[in-house]
């Protein structure tokens, strides 16, 4: 019951969020079309933290689709239940959709009922980083790729044992590599 209530509240928050996001995107288009030095500088700046892989936002925009950019670089969230990997049951690994760093194994994936692909742990703690996220009138722990700093999703403390954690990830933030295609390291 608790999980269903959480999923319902998440869906409502997402609907409200997407409404505001869509309205903000109209403002962003206007800002991007202006020739002010401030807009040009923001497009070409580096991330505010030091990650091994550094690219300007202009470079990210060249290699990511608009949808991927919105999730990975603008810290967006995709719709629950209709994303690519929520129901994926195949064996393999999930890698960062921006830089390809290995992140999660299908062995740690489980059905959380939240509508997003969920894992109870990453392949290694060093592969993901955490940041405090105070958006949407709540405090959450954002999960980012430790290699490029791209937004992946959030972690919650309502997951299964042995960790009790739920790494709730965006499908658009990851790529899936089936077991038969994984090269041995």
C-alpha atoms as a PDB file:
ATOM      1  CA  UNK A   1       0.000   0.000   0.000  1.00  0.00           C
ATOM      2  CA  UNK A   2       2.842   2.363   0.939  1.00  0.00           C
ATOM      3  CA  UNK A   3       4.556   1.761  -2.410  1.00  0.00           C
ATOM      4  CA  UNK A   4       1.334   2.374  -4.377  1.00  0.00           C
ATOM      5  CA  UNK A   5       0.796   5.652  -2.517  1.00  0.00           C
ATOM      6  CA  UNK A   6       4.389   6.652  -3.254  1.00  0.00           C
ATOM      7  CA  UNK A   7       3.944   5.814  -6.959  1.00  0.00           C
ATOM      8  CA  UNK A   8       0.669   7.791  -7.078  1.00  0.00           C
ATOM      9  CA  UNK A   9       2.233  10.834  -5.409  1.00  0.00           C
ATOM     10  CA  UNK A  10       5.247  10.583  -7.718  1.00  0.00           C
ATOM     11  CA  UNK A  11       2.974  10.560 -10.767  1.00  0.00           C
ATOM     12  CA  UNK A  12       1.151  13.667  -9.530  1.00  0.00           C
ATOM     13  CA  UNK A  13       4.427  15.465  -8.836  1.00  0.00           C
ATOM     14  CA  UNK A  14       5.683  14.519 -12.286  1.00  0.00           C
ATOM     15  CA  UNK A  15       2.556  15.806 -13.972  1.00  0.00           C
ATOM     16  CA  UNK A  16       2.906  19.141 -12.187  1.00  0.00           C
ATOM     17  CA  UNK A  17       6.622  19.145 -12.939  1.00  0.00           C
ATOM     18  CA  UNK A  18       6.152  18.475 -16.629  1.00  0.00           C
ATOM     19  CA  UNK A  19       3.662  21.327 -16.785  1.00  0.00           C
ATOM     20  CA  UNK A  20       6.225  23.736 -15.348  1.00  0.00           C
ATOM     21  CA  UNK A  21       9.029  22.200 -17.410  1.00  0.00           C
ATOM     22  CA  UNK A  22       7.084  22.708 -20.632  1.00  0.00           C
ATOM     23  CA  UNK A  23       6.428  26.334 -19.721  1.00  0.00           C
ATOM     24  CA  UNK A  24      10.110  26.843 -18.882  1.00  0.00           C
ATOM     25  CA  UNK A  25      11.203  25.266 -22.169  1.00  0.00           C
ATOM     26  CA  UNK A  26       9.335  28.012 -24.046  1.00  0.00           C
ATOM     27  CA  UNK A  27      11.336  30.600 -22.074  1.00  0.00           C
ATOM     28  CA  UNK A  28      14.584  28.705 -22.747  1.00  0.00           C
ATOM     29  CA  UNK A  29      13.938  28.772 -26.508  1.00  0.00           C
ATOM     30  CA  UNK A  30      13.523  32.542 -26.339  1.00  0.00           C
ATOM     31  CA  UNK A  31      16.703  32.861 -24.251  1.00  0.00           C
ATOM     32  CA  UNK A  32      18.679  30.622 -26.604  1.00  0.00           C
ATOM     33  CA  UNK A  33      17.639  32.738 -29.568  1.00  0.00           C
ATOM     34  CA  UNK A  34      18.868  35.967 -28.005  1.00  0.00           C
ATOM     35  CA  UNK A  35      22.409  37.124 -28.729  1.00  0.00           C
ATOM     36  CA  UNK A  36      23.327  38.173 -25.207  1.00  0.00           C
ATOM     37  CA  UNK A  37      26.810  37.350 -23.965  1.00  0.00           C
ATOM     38  CA  UNK A  38      25.326  35.792 -20.830  1.00  0.00           C
ATOM     39  CA  UNK A  39      23.462  33.115 -22.819  1.00  0.00           C
ATOM     40  CA  UNK A  40      26.512  32.329 -24.932  1.00  0.00           C
ATOM     41  CA  UNK A  41      28.709  32.028 -21.832  1.00  0.00           C
ATOM     42  CA  UNK A  42      26.227  29.681 -20.126  1.00  0.00           C
ATOM     43  CA  UNK A  43      26.156  27.384 -23.154  1.00  0.00           C
ATOM     44  CA  UNK A  44      29.942  27.049 -23.253  1.00  0.00           C
ATOM     45  CA  UNK A  45      30.706  26.702 -19.550  1.00  0.00           C
ATOM     46  CA  UNK A  46      32.128  23.585 -17.974  1.00  0.00           C
ATOM     47  CA  UNK A  47      30.312  21.712 -15.190  1.00  0.00           C
ATOM     48  CA  UNK A  48      30.693  23.239 -11.737  1.00  0.00           C
ATOM     49  CA  UNK A  49      32.374  20.105 -10.354  1.00  0.00           C
ATOM     50  CA  UNK A  50      35.466  18.295 -11.501  1.00  0.00           C
ATOM     51  CA  UNK A  51      34.742  15.001 -13.208  1.00  0.00           C
ATOM     52  CA  UNK A  52      37.296  12.979 -15.195  1.00  0.00           C
ATOM     53  CA  UNK A  53      35.350  13.539 -18.451  1.00  0.00           C
ATOM     54  CA  UNK A  54      34.854  17.240 -19.125  1.00  0.00           C
ATOM     55  CA  UNK A  55      32.785  18.635 -21.987  1.00  0.00           C
ATOM     56  CA  UNK A  56      31.127  21.980 -22.515  1.00  0.00           C
ATOM     57  CA  UNK A  57      27.349  22.014 -22.591  1.00  0.00           C
ATOM     58  CA  UNK A  58      27.592  22.860 -26.300  1.00  0.00           C
ATOM     59  CA  UNK A  59      29.593  19.647 -26.817  1.00  0.00           C
ATOM     60  CA  UNK A  60      27.010  17.628 -24.862  1.00  0.00           C
ATOM     61  CA  UNK A  61      24.254  19.106 -27.028  1.00  0.00           C
ATOM     62  CA  UNK A  62      26.087  17.890 -30.126  1.00  0.00           C
ATOM     63  CA  UNK A  63      26.335  14.259 -28.970  1.00  0.00           C
ATOM     64  CA  UNK A  64      23.057  13.794 -27.064  1.00  0.00           C
ATOM     65  CA  UNK A  65      19.512  13.863 -28.420  1.00  0.00           C
ATOM     66  CA  UNK A  66      17.255  16.622 -27.073  1.00  0.00           C
ATOM     67  CA  UNK A  67      15.497  14.115 -24.796  1.00  0.00           C
ATOM     68  CA  UNK A  68      18.774  12.672 -23.500  1.00  0.00           C
ATOM     69  CA  UNK A  69      20.141  16.171 -22.884  1.00  0.00           C
ATOM     70  CA  UNK A  70      17.039  17.154 -20.896  1.00  0.00           C
ATOM     71  CA  UNK A  71      17.502  14.157 -18.588  1.00  0.00           C
ATOM     72  CA  UNK A  72      21.288  13.851 -18.371  1.00  0.00           C
ATOM     73  CA  UNK A  73      22.383  17.486 -18.354  1.00  0.00           C
ATOM     74  CA  UNK A  74      19.254  19.463 -17.365  1.00  0.00           C
ATOM     75  CA  UNK A  75      18.429  16.973 -14.563  1.00  0.00           C
ATOM     76  CA  UNK A  76      15.028  16.056 -15.999  1.00  0.00           C
ATOM     77  CA  UNK A  77      12.783  13.081 -15.270  1.00  0.00           C
ATOM     78  CA  UNK A  78      11.034  10.878 -17.800  1.00  0.00           C
ATOM     79  CA  UNK A  79       7.493   9.599 -17.466  1.00  0.00           C
ATOM     80  CA  UNK A  80       6.999   6.500 -15.297  1.00  0.00           C
ATOM     81  CA  UNK A  81       5.958   3.099 -16.710  1.00  0.00           C
ATOM     82  CA  UNK A  82       6.406   4.086 -20.385  1.00  0.00           C
ATOM     83  CA  UNK A  83      10.191   4.245 -20.461  1.00  0.00           C
ATOM     84  CA  UNK A  84      12.441   1.748 -22.232  1.00  0.00           C
ATOM     85  CA  UNK A  85      14.064  -0.150 -19.356  1.00  0.00           C
ATOM     86  CA  UNK A  86      11.420  -0.269 -16.624  1.00  0.00           C
ATOM     87  CA  UNK A  87      10.233  -3.712 -17.780  1.00  0.00           C
ATOM     88  CA  UNK A  88      13.542  -4.921 -19.214  1.00  0.00           C
ATOM     89  CA  UNK A  89      14.224  -8.432 -17.858  1.00  0.00           C
ATOM     90  CA  UNK A  90      17.255  -9.299 -20.001  1.00  0.00           C
ATOM     91  CA  UNK A  91      20.651 -10.024 -18.464  1.00  0.00           C
ATOM     92  CA  UNK A  92      23.344  -7.427 -18.998  1.00  0.00           C
ATOM     93  CA  UNK A  93      24.666  -4.125 -17.722  1.00  0.00           C
ATOM     94  CA  UNK A  94      23.463  -0.546 -17.811  1.00  0.00           C
ATOM     95  CA  UNK A  95      25.951   2.168 -18.736  1.00  0.00           C
ATOM     96  CA  UNK A  96      25.821   5.966 -18.603  1.00  0.00           C
ATOM     97  CA  UNK A  97      23.992   7.280 -21.658  1.00  0.00           C
ATOM     98  CA  UNK A  98      26.391  10.220 -21.885  1.00  0.00           C
ATOM     99  CA  UNK A  99      29.835   8.641 -21.460  1.00  0.00           C
ATOM    100  CA  UNK A 100      29.361   4.846 -21.429  1.00  0.00           C
ATOM    101  CA  UNK A 101      30.668   4.226 -17.908  1.00  0.00           C
ATOM    102  CA  UNK A 102      29.357   0.945 -16.463  1.00  0.00           C
ATOM    103  CA  UNK A 103      26.801   1.632 -13.718  1.00  0.00           C
ATOM    104  CA  UNK A 104      24.358  -1.173 -12.880  1.00  0.00           C
ATOM    105  CA  UNK A 105      23.935  -4.904 -13.411  1.00  0.00           C
ATOM    106  CA  UNK A 106      20.693  -6.651 -14.273  1.00  0.00           C
ATOM    107  CA  UNK A 107      21.499  -8.874 -11.266  1.00  0.00           C
ATOM    108  CA  UNK A 108      20.740  -5.889  -9.008  1.00  0.00           C
ATOM    109  CA  UNK A 109      17.615  -4.719 -10.865  1.00  0.00           C
ATOM    110  CA  UNK A 110      14.201  -5.344  -9.339  1.00  0.00           C
ATOM    111  CA  UNK A 111      10.562  -4.431  -9.880  1.00  0.00           C
ATOM    112  CA  UNK A 112       9.949  -1.517  -7.502  1.00  0.00           C
ATOM    113  CA  UNK A 113       6.492  -0.604  -8.800  1.00  0.00           C
ATOM    114  CA  UNK A 114       7.649   3.017  -9.181  1.00  0.00           C
ATOM    115  CA  UNK A 115       7.594   2.992 -12.993  1.00  0.00           C
ATOM    116  CA  UNK A 116      11.333   3.542 -13.431  1.00  0.00           C
ATOM    117  CA  UNK A 117      14.162   1.010 -13.653  1.00  0.00           C
ATOM    118  CA  UNK A 118      15.296   0.377 -10.087  1.00  0.00           C
ATOM    119  CA  UNK A 119      18.406  -1.220  -8.659  1.00  0.00           C
ATOM    120  CA  UNK A 120      19.382  -2.048  -5.093  1.00  0.00           C
ATOM    121  CA  UNK A 121      23.048  -1.185  -5.703  1.00  0.00           C
ATOM    122  CA  UNK A 122      25.436   0.027  -8.426  1.00  0.00           C
ATOM    123  CA  UNK A 123      28.210  -2.201  -9.787  1.00  0.00           C
ATOM    124  CA  UNK A 124      30.567  -0.273  -7.460  1.00  0.00           C
ATOM    125  CA  UNK A 125      29.910   2.710  -5.204  1.00  0.00           C
ATOM    126  CA  UNK A 126      32.695   4.632  -6.956  1.00  0.00           C
ATOM    127  CA  UNK A 127      30.779   4.597 -10.279  1.00  0.00           C
ATOM    128  CA  UNK A 128      28.047   6.950  -9.066  1.00  0.00           C
ATOM    129  CA  UNK A 129      28.113  10.173  -7.104  1.00  0.00           C
ATOM    130  CA  UNK A 130      25.516  11.805  -4.888  1.00  0.00           C
ATOM    131  CA  UNK A 131      24.277  15.388  -4.719  1.00  0.00           C
ATOM    132  CA  UNK A 132      21.577  16.971  -2.596  1.00  0.00           C
ATOM    133  CA  UNK A 133      18.511  17.832  -4.696  1.00  0.00           C
ATOM    134  CA  UNK A 134      16.058  20.337  -3.228  1.00  0.00           C
ATOM    135  CA  UNK A 135      13.766  20.589  -6.261  1.00  0.00           C
ATOM    136  CA  UNK A 136      10.012  19.907  -6.275  1.00  0.00           C
ATOM    137  CA  UNK A 137       9.579  21.140  -2.689  1.00  0.00           C
ATOM    138  CA  UNK A 138      11.444  18.168  -1.192  1.00  0.00           C
ATOM    139  CA  UNK A 139      14.950  17.036  -0.369  1.00  0.00           C
ATOM    140  CA  UNK A 140      16.223  13.994  -2.249  1.00  0.00           C
ATOM    141  CA  UNK A 141      19.573  12.443  -3.083  1.00  0.00           C
ATOM    142  CA  UNK A 142      20.409  12.830  -6.758  1.00  0.00           C
ATOM    143  CA  UNK A 143      22.585  10.166  -8.401  1.00  0.00           C
ATOM    144  CA  UNK A 144      25.109  11.264 -11.046  1.00  0.00           C
ATOM    145  CA  UNK A 145      27.697   9.451 -13.127  1.00  0.00           C
ATOM    146  CA  UNK A 146      31.059   9.768 -11.355  1.00  0.00           C
ATOM    147  CA  UNK A 147      32.850  10.013 -14.716  1.00  0.00           C
ATOM    148  CA  UNK A 148      30.938  12.849 -16.428  1.00  0.00           C
ATOM    149  CA  UNK A 149      28.582  14.251 -13.768  1.00  0.00           C
ATOM    150  CA  UNK A 150      25.429  13.530 -15.772  1.00  0.00           C
ATOM    151  CA  UNK A 151      22.127  13.143 -13.912  1.00  0.00           C
ATOM    152  CA  UNK A 152      20.913   9.542 -13.709  1.00  0.00           C
ATOM    153  CA  UNK A 153      18.081   9.614 -11.164  1.00  0.00           C
ATOM    154  CA  UNK A 154      17.688   9.477  -7.381  1.00  0.00           C
ATOM    155  CA  UNK A 155      18.276   7.036  -4.534  1.00  0.00           C
ATOM    156  CA  UNK A 156      15.713   6.322  -1.816  1.00  0.00           C
ATOM    157  CA  UNK A 157      15.841   4.233   1.363  1.00  0.00           C
ATOM    158  CA  UNK A 158      12.786   2.090   0.574  1.00  0.00           C
ATOM    159  CA  UNK A 159      14.522  -0.656  -1.430  1.00  0.00           C
ATOM    160  CA  UNK A 160      15.006  -4.363  -0.774  1.00  0.00           C
ATOM    161  CA  UNK A 161      17.697  -5.997   1.323  1.00  0.00           C
ATOM    162  CA  UNK A 162      20.616  -6.372   1.510  1.00  0.00           C
ATOM    163  CA  UNK A 163      21.077  -2.600   1.009  1.00  0.00           C
ATOM    164  CA  UNK A 164      17.570  -1.259   1.640  1.00  0.00           C
ATOM    165  CA  UNK A 165      18.185   1.229  -1.184  1.00  0.00           C
ATOM    166  CA  UNK A 166      16.270   1.952  -4.378  1.00  0.00           C
ATOM    167  CA  UNK A 167      18.342   3.546  -7.114  1.00  0.00           C
ATOM    168  CA  UNK A 168      15.499   4.917  -9.240  1.00  0.00           C
ATOM    169  CA  UNK A 169      17.017   5.698 -12.641  1.00  0.00           C
ATOM    170  CA  UNK A 170      15.859   7.282 -15.884  1.00  0.00           C
ATOM    171  CA  UNK A 171      15.977   4.938 -18.889  1.00  0.00           C
ATOM    172  CA  UNK A 172      17.071   7.844 -21.092  1.00  0.00           C
ATOM    173  CA  UNK A 173      20.095   8.334 -18.811  1.00  0.00           C
ATOM    174  CA  UNK A 174      21.373   4.838 -19.556  1.00  0.00           C
ATOM    175  CA  UNK A 175      22.134   2.423 -22.356  1.00  0.00           C
ATOM    176  CA  UNK A 176      21.695  -1.329 -21.922  1.00  0.00           C
ATOM    177  CA  UNK A 177      24.316  -3.805 -23.084  1.00  0.00           C
ATOM    178  CA  UNK A 178      23.005  -7.396 -23.271  1.00  0.00           C
ATOM    179  CA  UNK A 179      25.109 -10.086 -21.585  1.00  0.00           C
ATOM    180  CA  UNK A 180      26.058 -11.682 -24.910  1.00  0.00           C
ATOM    181  CA  UNK A 181      27.534  -8.374 -26.144  1.00  0.00           C
ATOM    182  CA  UNK A 182      29.632  -7.603 -23.059  1.00  0.00           C
ATOM    183  CA  UNK A 183      33.338  -7.876 -23.752  1.00  0.00           C
ATOM    184  CA  UNK A 184      35.376  -9.358 -20.947  1.00  0.00           C
ATOM    185  CA  UNK A 185      37.694  -6.873 -19.274  1.00  0.00           C
END
